[in-house]
Amino acid sequence: MSLVLLLLIAFFTVSIVLQKISGKSFCFMCVSVSLTWLTLLVLYFNSYQIDPLILGILMGGSAVGLMYYFFRDKNRFQIFKFPFLVSLFWLIYLLIGDRGDEFNRNFLIIGILWLIFIMTYLLNKIGYWREWGERIVKCCRNW
C-alpha cells in the first residue's frame, strides 16, 4: 500500500507542476489516480506482487470518473450512464480478475442490459418508457 500512496502523491504533485508549465487545464486527482493504476497494472502484468484489490479500487474510481466525464453535459444520451458504467466495471474485471467460464454469460447479461436501455431510448415517446427513462436520468440529480 505504501507504493500506492507514494505513486498517488508523486503523480498528483507532478500533475500540478505540469499544469502550471503547460497552461492546460485538467483534474489532478484524475491524472494521479489513472497514472497510479496504469503503473500498477504494468507491474502486475510483469509479475510484481501487486494487490489486485487496490488495482480494482483505483480502476473503478477511474471508471466512475470517466462516466461522469462523458456524460457531464445534459444531452439525450444520459440514459446510457448505467450500462456504460457496468460495462466499464466488467472490462476492469476482465483485465485483472479470474475470468473462468463466465465470459459468455456476462457478455450476454451486459448485452441484454444495453438492449433494454437502447429500447428505452428509442421508445421514449411512449408514456411508460418515457417515465422510466426520465426516472433513471433524474436519479443522479435528485438525491
N, C-alpha and C. Protein backbone atom coordinates (compact mmCIF):
# COMPACT_ATOMS: atom_id res chain seq x y z
N MET A 1 0.83 -1.20 0.00
CA MET A 1 0.00 0.00 0.00
C MET A 1 0.87 1.26 0.00
N SER A 2 2.05 1.16 0.57
CA SER A 2 2.94 2.33 0.61
C SER A 2 3.30 2.79 -0.80
N LEU A 3 3.54 1.83 -1.69
CA LEU A 3 3.85 2.18 -3.08
C LEU A 3 2.70 2.96 -3.70
N VAL A 4 1.48 2.51 -3.45
CA VAL A 4 0.30 3.17 -4.00
C VAL A 4 0.21 4.61 -3.49
N LEU A 5 0.37 4.79 -2.20
CA LEU A 5 0.30 6.14 -1.63
C LEU A 5 1.39 7.04 -2.20
N LEU A 6 2.59 6.51 -2.31
CA LEU A 6 3.70 7.30 -2.86
C LEU A 6 3.45 7.66 -4.32
N LEU A 7 2.94 6.71 -5.10
CA LEU A 7 2.64 7.00 -6.51
C LEU A 7 1.54 8.05 -6.64
N LEU A 8 0.50 7.92 -5.84
CA LEU A 8 -0.59 8.90 -5.89
C LEU A 8 -0.07 10.30 -5.58
N ILE A 9 0.72 10.42 -4.52
CA ILE A 9 1.25 11.73 -4.13
C ILE A 9 2.21 12.26 -5.19
N ALA A 10 3.08 11.40 -5.70
CA ALA A 10 4.05 11.83 -6.72
C ALA A 10 3.34 12.29 -7.99
N PHE A 11 2.39 11.49 -8.48
CA PHE A 11 1.69 11.85 -9.71
C PHE A 11 0.83 13.10 -9.51
N PHE A 12 0.26 13.26 -8.32
CA PHE A 12 -0.53 14.46 -8.03
C PHE A 12 0.36 15.70 -8.10
N THR A 13 1.52 15.61 -7.47
CA THR A 13 2.47 16.73 -7.47
C THR A 13 2.97 17.05 -8.87
N VAL A 14 3.33 16.01 -9.61
CA VAL A 14 3.79 16.21 -10.99
C VAL A 14 2.68 16.82 -11.85
N SER A 15 1.44 16.41 -11.62
CA SER A 15 0.30 16.97 -12.37
C SER A 15 0.16 18.47 -12.13
N ILE A 16 0.32 18.88 -10.89
CA ILE A 16 0.23 20.31 -10.57
C ILE A 16 1.31 21.09 -11.31
N VAL A 17 2.52 20.56 -11.29
CA VAL A 17 3.64 21.22 -11.97
C VAL A 17 3.41 21.24 -13.48
N LEU A 18 2.97 20.12 -14.04
CA LEU A 18 2.73 20.05 -15.49
C LEU A 18 1.62 21.02 -15.92
N GLN A 19 0.60 21.15 -15.10
CA GLN A 19 -0.46 22.08 -15.46
C GLN A 19 0.06 23.51 -15.46
N LYS A 20 0.89 23.83 -14.50
CA LYS A 20 1.47 25.18 -14.43
C LYS A 20 2.36 25.45 -15.64
N ILE A 21 3.17 24.47 -16.03
CA ILE A 21 4.09 24.62 -17.16
C ILE A 21 3.34 24.67 -18.49
N SER A 22 2.38 23.75 -18.65
CA SER A 22 1.69 23.62 -19.94
C SER A 22 0.57 24.63 -20.14
N GLY A 23 -0.01 25.12 -19.04
CA GLY A 23 -1.15 26.01 -19.15
C GLY A 23 -2.45 25.30 -19.48
N LYS A 24 -2.41 23.97 -19.58
CA LYS A 24 -3.61 23.18 -19.87
C LYS A 24 -4.37 22.93 -18.57
N SER A 25 -5.66 22.79 -18.68
CA SER A 25 -6.49 22.53 -17.51
C SER A 25 -6.90 21.06 -17.47
N PHE A 26 -6.62 20.40 -16.36
CA PHE A 26 -7.03 19.01 -16.17
C PHE A 26 -7.14 18.73 -14.68
N CYS A 27 -7.77 17.65 -14.36
CA CYS A 27 -8.01 17.27 -12.96
C CYS A 27 -6.78 16.54 -12.41
N PHE A 28 -6.18 17.10 -11.36
CA PHE A 28 -5.00 16.48 -10.75
C PHE A 28 -5.31 15.10 -10.19
N MET A 29 -6.48 14.98 -9.55
CA MET A 29 -6.83 13.69 -8.96
C MET A 29 -7.03 12.62 -10.02
N CYS A 30 -7.71 12.98 -11.09
CA CYS A 30 -7.95 12.01 -12.16
C CYS A 30 -6.63 11.53 -12.77
N VAL A 31 -5.73 12.47 -13.02
CA VAL A 31 -4.44 12.12 -13.60
C VAL A 31 -3.64 11.26 -12.63
N SER A 32 -3.60 11.65 -11.36
CA SER A 32 -2.79 10.88 -10.40
C SER A 32 -3.34 9.47 -10.19
N VAL A 33 -4.66 9.34 -10.09
CA VAL A 33 -5.25 8.00 -9.91
C VAL A 33 -5.02 7.16 -11.17
N SER A 34 -5.25 7.74 -12.34
CA SER A 34 -5.08 6.98 -13.59
C SER A 34 -3.63 6.54 -13.80
N LEU A 35 -2.70 7.45 -13.58
CA LEU A 35 -1.30 7.09 -13.75
C LEU A 35 -0.85 6.06 -12.71
N THR A 36 -1.42 6.14 -11.53
CA THR A 36 -1.08 5.16 -10.49
C THR A 36 -1.54 3.77 -10.89
N TRP A 37 -2.82 3.64 -11.29
CA TRP A 37 -3.27 2.29 -11.64
C TRP A 37 -2.63 1.79 -12.93
N LEU A 38 -2.31 2.69 -13.85
CA LEU A 38 -1.60 2.26 -15.06
C LEU A 38 -0.21 1.72 -14.70
N THR A 39 0.48 2.41 -13.81
CA THR A 39 1.80 1.95 -13.35
C THR A 39 1.67 0.59 -12.64
N LEU A 40 0.69 0.48 -11.76
CA LEU A 40 0.48 -0.77 -11.03
C LEU A 40 0.08 -1.90 -11.98
N LEU A 41 -0.70 -1.59 -13.00
CA LEU A 41 -1.11 -2.61 -13.97
C LEU A 41 0.10 -3.15 -14.73
N VAL A 42 0.99 -2.26 -15.14
CA VAL A 42 2.21 -2.69 -15.82
C VAL A 42 3.02 -3.60 -14.88
N LEU A 43 3.16 -3.18 -13.64
CA LEU A 43 3.90 -4.00 -12.66
C LEU A 43 3.20 -5.35 -12.45
N TYR A 44 1.88 -5.33 -12.35
CA TYR A 44 1.08 -6.54 -12.14
C TYR A 44 1.29 -7.55 -13.27
N PHE A 45 1.28 -7.06 -14.51
CA PHE A 45 1.47 -7.95 -15.65
C PHE A 45 2.93 -8.35 -15.86
N ASN A 46 3.81 -7.71 -15.11
CA ASN A 46 5.23 -8.10 -15.14
C ASN A 46 5.60 -8.86 -13.88
N SER A 47 4.63 -9.52 -13.28
CA SER A 47 4.79 -10.45 -12.17
C SER A 47 5.26 -9.82 -10.86
N TYR A 48 5.06 -8.52 -10.68
CA TYR A 48 5.31 -7.92 -9.38
C TYR A 48 4.13 -8.23 -8.47
N GLN A 49 4.37 -8.23 -7.20
CA GLN A 49 3.31 -8.52 -6.23
C GLN A 49 2.46 -7.28 -6.02
N ILE A 50 1.46 -7.12 -6.85
CA ILE A 50 0.52 -6.01 -6.74
C ILE A 50 -0.83 -6.59 -6.34
N ASP A 51 -1.41 -6.03 -5.30
CA ASP A 51 -2.71 -6.49 -4.82
C ASP A 51 -3.78 -6.10 -5.84
N PRO A 52 -4.45 -7.09 -6.45
CA PRO A 52 -5.48 -6.76 -7.44
C PRO A 52 -6.65 -5.99 -6.83
N LEU A 53 -6.82 -6.08 -5.52
CA LEU A 53 -7.91 -5.34 -4.87
C LEU A 53 -7.69 -3.83 -4.99
N ILE A 54 -6.49 -3.36 -4.65
CA ILE A 54 -6.22 -1.92 -4.75
C ILE A 54 -6.23 -1.48 -6.21
N LEU A 55 -5.77 -2.34 -7.09
CA LEU A 55 -5.80 -2.05 -8.52
C LEU A 55 -7.26 -1.87 -8.98
N GLY A 56 -8.11 -2.77 -8.55
CA GLY A 56 -9.53 -2.69 -8.90
C GLY A 56 -10.21 -1.46 -8.33
N ILE A 57 -9.85 -1.09 -7.10
CA ILE A 57 -10.44 0.10 -6.48
C ILE A 57 -10.07 1.35 -7.28
N LEU A 58 -8.79 1.46 -7.61
CA LEU A 58 -8.34 2.63 -8.37
C LEU A 58 -8.95 2.66 -9.77
N MET A 59 -9.00 1.51 -10.42
CA MET A 59 -9.58 1.45 -11.77
C MET A 59 -11.08 1.74 -11.73
N GLY A 60 -11.75 1.25 -10.68
CA GLY A 60 -13.18 1.53 -10.53
C GLY A 60 -13.45 3.02 -10.34
N GLY A 61 -12.56 3.68 -9.58
CA GLY A 61 -12.69 5.13 -9.42
C GLY A 61 -12.55 5.84 -10.75
N SER A 62 -11.62 5.38 -11.56
CA SER A 62 -11.44 5.98 -12.89
C SER A 62 -12.65 5.71 -13.78
N ALA A 63 -13.25 4.54 -13.63
CA ALA A 63 -14.45 4.21 -14.41
C ALA A 63 -15.59 5.18 -14.08
N VAL A 64 -15.78 5.44 -12.80
CA VAL A 64 -16.83 6.39 -12.39
C VAL A 64 -16.50 7.78 -12.91
N GLY A 65 -15.24 8.19 -12.78
CA GLY A 65 -14.83 9.49 -13.30
C GLY A 65 -15.03 9.60 -14.80
N LEU A 66 -14.71 8.54 -15.53
CA LEU A 66 -14.90 8.53 -16.98
C LEU A 66 -16.38 8.64 -17.34
N MET A 67 -17.21 7.95 -16.58
CA MET A 67 -18.65 8.02 -16.82
C MET A 67 -19.13 9.45 -16.61
N TYR A 68 -18.72 10.09 -15.52
CA TYR A 68 -19.12 11.47 -15.28
C TYR A 68 -18.56 12.41 -16.34
N TYR A 69 -17.35 12.15 -16.80
CA TYR A 69 -16.74 12.99 -17.84
C TYR A 69 -17.54 12.89 -19.14
N PHE A 70 -17.84 11.68 -19.58
CA PHE A 70 -18.55 11.50 -20.84
C PHE A 70 -19.98 12.02 -20.80
N PHE A 71 -20.60 11.96 -19.63
CA PHE A 71 -22.00 12.36 -19.52
C PHE A 71 -22.17 13.66 -18.74
N ARG A 72 -21.13 14.51 -18.74
CA ARG A 72 -21.17 15.75 -17.98
C ARG A 72 -22.17 16.75 -18.55
N ASP A 73 -22.35 16.76 -19.84
CA ASP A 73 -23.31 17.66 -20.46
C ASP A 73 -24.68 17.00 -20.46
N LYS A 74 -25.69 17.81 -20.24
CA LYS A 74 -27.04 17.25 -20.28
C LYS A 74 -27.42 17.06 -21.74
N ASN A 75 -27.37 15.81 -22.15
CA ASN A 75 -27.72 15.51 -23.54
C ASN A 75 -28.68 14.33 -23.57
N ARG A 76 -29.06 13.97 -24.73
CA ARG A 76 -30.08 12.92 -24.88
C ARG A 76 -29.55 11.53 -24.57
N PHE A 77 -28.24 11.38 -24.37
CA PHE A 77 -27.67 10.06 -24.11
C PHE A 77 -27.47 9.77 -22.63
N GLN A 78 -27.98 10.62 -21.75
CA GLN A 78 -27.85 10.43 -20.31
C GLN A 78 -28.38 9.06 -19.85
N ILE A 79 -29.34 8.55 -20.56
CA ILE A 79 -29.95 7.27 -20.21
C ILE A 79 -28.93 6.13 -20.21
N PHE A 80 -27.83 6.29 -20.94
CA PHE A 80 -26.86 5.22 -21.08
C PHE A 80 -25.76 5.22 -20.01
N LYS A 81 -25.88 6.08 -19.00
CA LYS A 81 -24.85 6.14 -17.96
C LYS A 81 -24.69 4.80 -17.25
N PHE A 82 -25.79 4.19 -16.86
CA PHE A 82 -25.70 2.94 -16.09
C PHE A 82 -25.09 1.80 -16.90
N PRO A 83 -25.58 1.50 -18.11
CA PRO A 83 -24.94 0.40 -18.85
C PRO A 83 -23.49 0.70 -19.21
N PHE A 84 -23.15 1.96 -19.41
CA PHE A 84 -21.77 2.35 -19.69
C PHE A 84 -20.89 2.02 -18.49
N LEU A 85 -21.34 2.41 -17.30
CA LEU A 85 -20.57 2.16 -16.08
C LEU A 85 -20.44 0.67 -15.80
N VAL A 86 -21.52 -0.06 -15.93
CA VAL A 86 -21.47 -1.52 -15.71
C VAL A 86 -20.50 -2.17 -16.70
N SER A 87 -20.52 -1.71 -17.94
CA SER A 87 -19.60 -2.25 -18.96
C SER A 87 -18.15 -1.97 -18.59
N LEU A 88 -17.87 -0.77 -18.10
CA LEU A 88 -16.50 -0.45 -17.67
C LEU A 88 -16.07 -1.33 -16.51
N PHE A 89 -16.96 -1.54 -15.54
CA PHE A 89 -16.63 -2.42 -14.41
C PHE A 89 -16.32 -3.83 -14.90
N TRP A 90 -17.11 -4.30 -15.86
CA TRP A 90 -16.88 -5.64 -16.40
C TRP A 90 -15.54 -5.72 -17.13
N LEU A 91 -15.21 -4.68 -17.89
CA LEU A 91 -13.93 -4.66 -18.59
C LEU A 91 -12.76 -4.67 -17.61
N ILE A 92 -12.91 -3.95 -16.51
CA ILE A 92 -11.87 -3.96 -15.47
C ILE A 92 -11.73 -5.37 -14.90
N TYR A 93 -12.85 -6.00 -14.64
CA TYR A 93 -12.82 -7.36 -14.12
C TYR A 93 -12.15 -8.32 -15.11
N LEU A 94 -12.45 -8.14 -16.39
CA LEU A 94 -11.80 -8.98 -17.41
C LEU A 94 -10.29 -8.79 -17.42
N LEU A 95 -9.86 -7.56 -17.16
CA LEU A 95 -8.45 -7.24 -17.21
C LEU A 95 -7.68 -7.82 -16.02
N ILE A 96 -8.26 -7.75 -14.81
CA ILE A 96 -7.49 -8.15 -13.63
C ILE A 96 -8.12 -9.30 -12.85
N GLY A 97 -9.31 -9.73 -13.22
CA GLY A 97 -9.99 -10.76 -12.44
C GLY A 97 -9.77 -12.16 -12.98
N ASP A 98 -10.31 -13.11 -12.25
CA ASP A 98 -10.29 -14.51 -12.66
C ASP A 98 -11.50 -14.74 -13.55
N ARG A 99 -11.29 -14.79 -14.85
CA ARG A 99 -12.38 -14.82 -15.80
C ARG A 99 -13.18 -16.13 -15.80
N GLY A 100 -12.52 -17.23 -15.67
CA GLY A 100 -13.23 -18.51 -15.65
C GLY A 100 -14.10 -18.71 -16.87
N ASP A 101 -15.23 -19.43 -16.68
CA ASP A 101 -16.14 -19.71 -17.80
C ASP A 101 -17.28 -18.70 -17.87
N GLU A 102 -17.21 -17.63 -17.14
CA GLU A 102 -18.33 -16.70 -17.06
C GLU A 102 -18.39 -15.69 -18.20
N PHE A 103 -17.39 -15.65 -19.05
CA PHE A 103 -17.34 -14.61 -20.08
C PHE A 103 -18.62 -14.56 -20.90
N ASN A 104 -19.04 -15.68 -21.47
CA ASN A 104 -20.21 -15.69 -22.35
C ASN A 104 -21.48 -15.27 -21.60
N ARG A 105 -21.64 -15.77 -20.39
CA ARG A 105 -22.83 -15.43 -19.60
C ARG A 105 -22.84 -13.93 -19.28
N ASN A 106 -21.70 -13.39 -18.84
CA ASN A 106 -21.63 -11.97 -18.51
C ASN A 106 -21.79 -11.08 -19.73
N PHE A 107 -21.22 -11.52 -20.85
CA PHE A 107 -21.38 -10.78 -22.10
C PHE A 107 -22.86 -10.72 -22.48
N LEU A 108 -23.56 -11.83 -22.30
CA LEU A 108 -25.00 -11.88 -22.60
C LEU A 108 -25.78 -10.96 -21.67
N ILE A 109 -25.47 -10.99 -20.38
CA ILE A 109 -26.16 -10.14 -19.41
C ILE A 109 -25.96 -8.66 -19.75
N ILE A 110 -24.74 -8.28 -20.06
CA ILE A 110 -24.47 -6.88 -20.40
C ILE A 110 -25.13 -6.53 -21.73
N GLY A 111 -25.13 -7.44 -22.66
CA GLY A 111 -25.83 -7.21 -23.93
C GLY A 111 -27.31 -6.97 -23.73
N ILE A 112 -27.94 -7.76 -22.86
CA ILE A 112 -29.37 -7.58 -22.57
C ILE A 112 -29.59 -6.24 -21.88
N LEU A 113 -28.70 -5.88 -20.96
CA LEU A 113 -28.81 -4.58 -20.29
C LEU A 113 -28.77 -3.44 -21.32
N TRP A 114 -27.82 -3.50 -22.24
CA TRP A 114 -27.73 -2.48 -23.28
C TRP A 114 -28.99 -2.47 -24.15
N LEU A 115 -29.52 -3.64 -24.48
CA LEU A 115 -30.75 -3.69 -25.29
C LEU A 115 -31.92 -3.03 -24.58
N ILE A 116 -32.06 -3.26 -23.29
CA ILE A 116 -33.15 -2.65 -22.52
C ILE A 116 -33.01 -1.12 -22.54
N PHE A 117 -31.80 -0.64 -22.35
CA PHE A 117 -31.61 0.81 -22.33
C PHE A 117 -31.73 1.42 -23.73
N ILE A 118 -31.31 0.70 -24.75
CA ILE A 118 -31.49 1.18 -26.13
C ILE A 118 -32.99 1.22 -26.46
N MET A 119 -33.73 0.20 -26.02
CA MET A 119 -35.18 0.19 -26.22
C MET A 119 -35.83 1.39 -25.52
N THR A 120 -35.39 1.65 -24.29
CA THR A 120 -35.92 2.79 -23.55
C THR A 120 -35.64 4.09 -24.28
N TYR A 121 -34.44 4.20 -24.81
CA TYR A 121 -34.06 5.40 -25.57
C TYR A 121 -34.92 5.56 -26.83
N LEU A 122 -35.08 4.47 -27.56
CA LEU A 122 -35.81 4.53 -28.83
C LEU A 122 -37.32 4.70 -28.63
N LEU A 123 -37.84 4.18 -27.53
CA LEU A 123 -39.29 4.24 -27.29
C LEU A 123 -39.67 5.34 -26.31
N ASN A 124 -38.84 6.37 -26.18
CA ASN A 124 -39.08 7.39 -25.16
C ASN A 124 -40.30 8.26 -25.42
N LYS A 125 -40.94 8.13 -26.54
CA LYS A 125 -42.17 8.90 -26.81
C LYS A 125 -43.39 8.24 -26.17
N ILE A 126 -43.27 6.96 -25.83
CA ILE A 126 -44.37 6.23 -25.23
C ILE A 126 -44.35 6.47 -23.72
N GLY A 127 -45.51 6.77 -23.14
CA GLY A 127 -45.63 7.16 -21.74
C GLY A 127 -44.80 6.39 -20.74
N TYR A 128 -45.00 5.07 -20.66
CA TYR A 128 -44.29 4.26 -19.66
C TYR A 128 -42.78 4.32 -19.87
N TRP A 129 -42.34 4.16 -21.09
CA TRP A 129 -40.90 4.16 -21.40
C TRP A 129 -40.29 5.52 -21.10
N ARG A 130 -41.02 6.58 -21.44
CA ARG A 130 -40.52 7.94 -21.19
C ARG A 130 -40.38 8.17 -19.69
N GLU A 131 -41.40 7.79 -18.94
CA GLU A 131 -41.37 7.97 -17.48
C GLU A 131 -40.22 7.18 -16.86
N TRP A 132 -40.05 5.94 -17.29
CA TRP A 132 -38.98 5.09 -16.76
C TRP A 132 -37.62 5.69 -17.08
N GLY A 133 -37.43 6.13 -18.31
CA GLY A 133 -36.17 6.74 -18.72
C GLY A 133 -35.87 8.02 -17.95
N GLU A 134 -36.90 8.86 -17.75
CA GLU A 134 -36.71 10.10 -17.01
C GLU A 134 -36.34 9.82 -15.55
N ARG A 135 -36.94 8.81 -14.97
CA ARG A 135 -36.63 8.46 -13.57
C ARG A 135 -35.18 8.01 -13.45
N ILE A 136 -34.69 7.27 -14.42
CA ILE A 136 -33.31 6.79 -14.40
C ILE A 136 -32.35 7.98 -14.52
N VAL A 137 -32.61 8.88 -15.44
CA VAL A 137 -31.72 10.02 -15.66
C VAL A 137 -31.75 10.96 -14.45
N LYS A 138 -32.91 11.14 -13.85
CA LYS A 138 -33.05 12.07 -12.72
C LYS A 138 -32.46 11.53 -11.43
N CYS A 139 -32.24 10.23 -11.34
CA CYS A 139 -31.83 9.66 -10.05
C CYS A 139 -30.52 10.26 -9.55
N CYS A 140 -29.60 10.53 -10.42
CA CYS A 140 -28.31 11.09 -10.01
C CYS A 140 -28.40 12.57 -9.68
N ARG A 141 -29.42 13.23 -10.18
CA ARG A 141 -29.55 14.67 -9.93
C ARG A 141 -30.39 14.95 -8.70
N ASN A 142 -31.27 14.05 -8.31
CA ASN A 142 -32.26 14.34 -7.27
C ASN A 142 -32.05 13.60 -5.96
N TRP A 143 -30.87 13.31 -5.62
CA TRP A 143 -30.68 12.63 -4.35
C TRP A 143 -30.17 13.62 -3.36
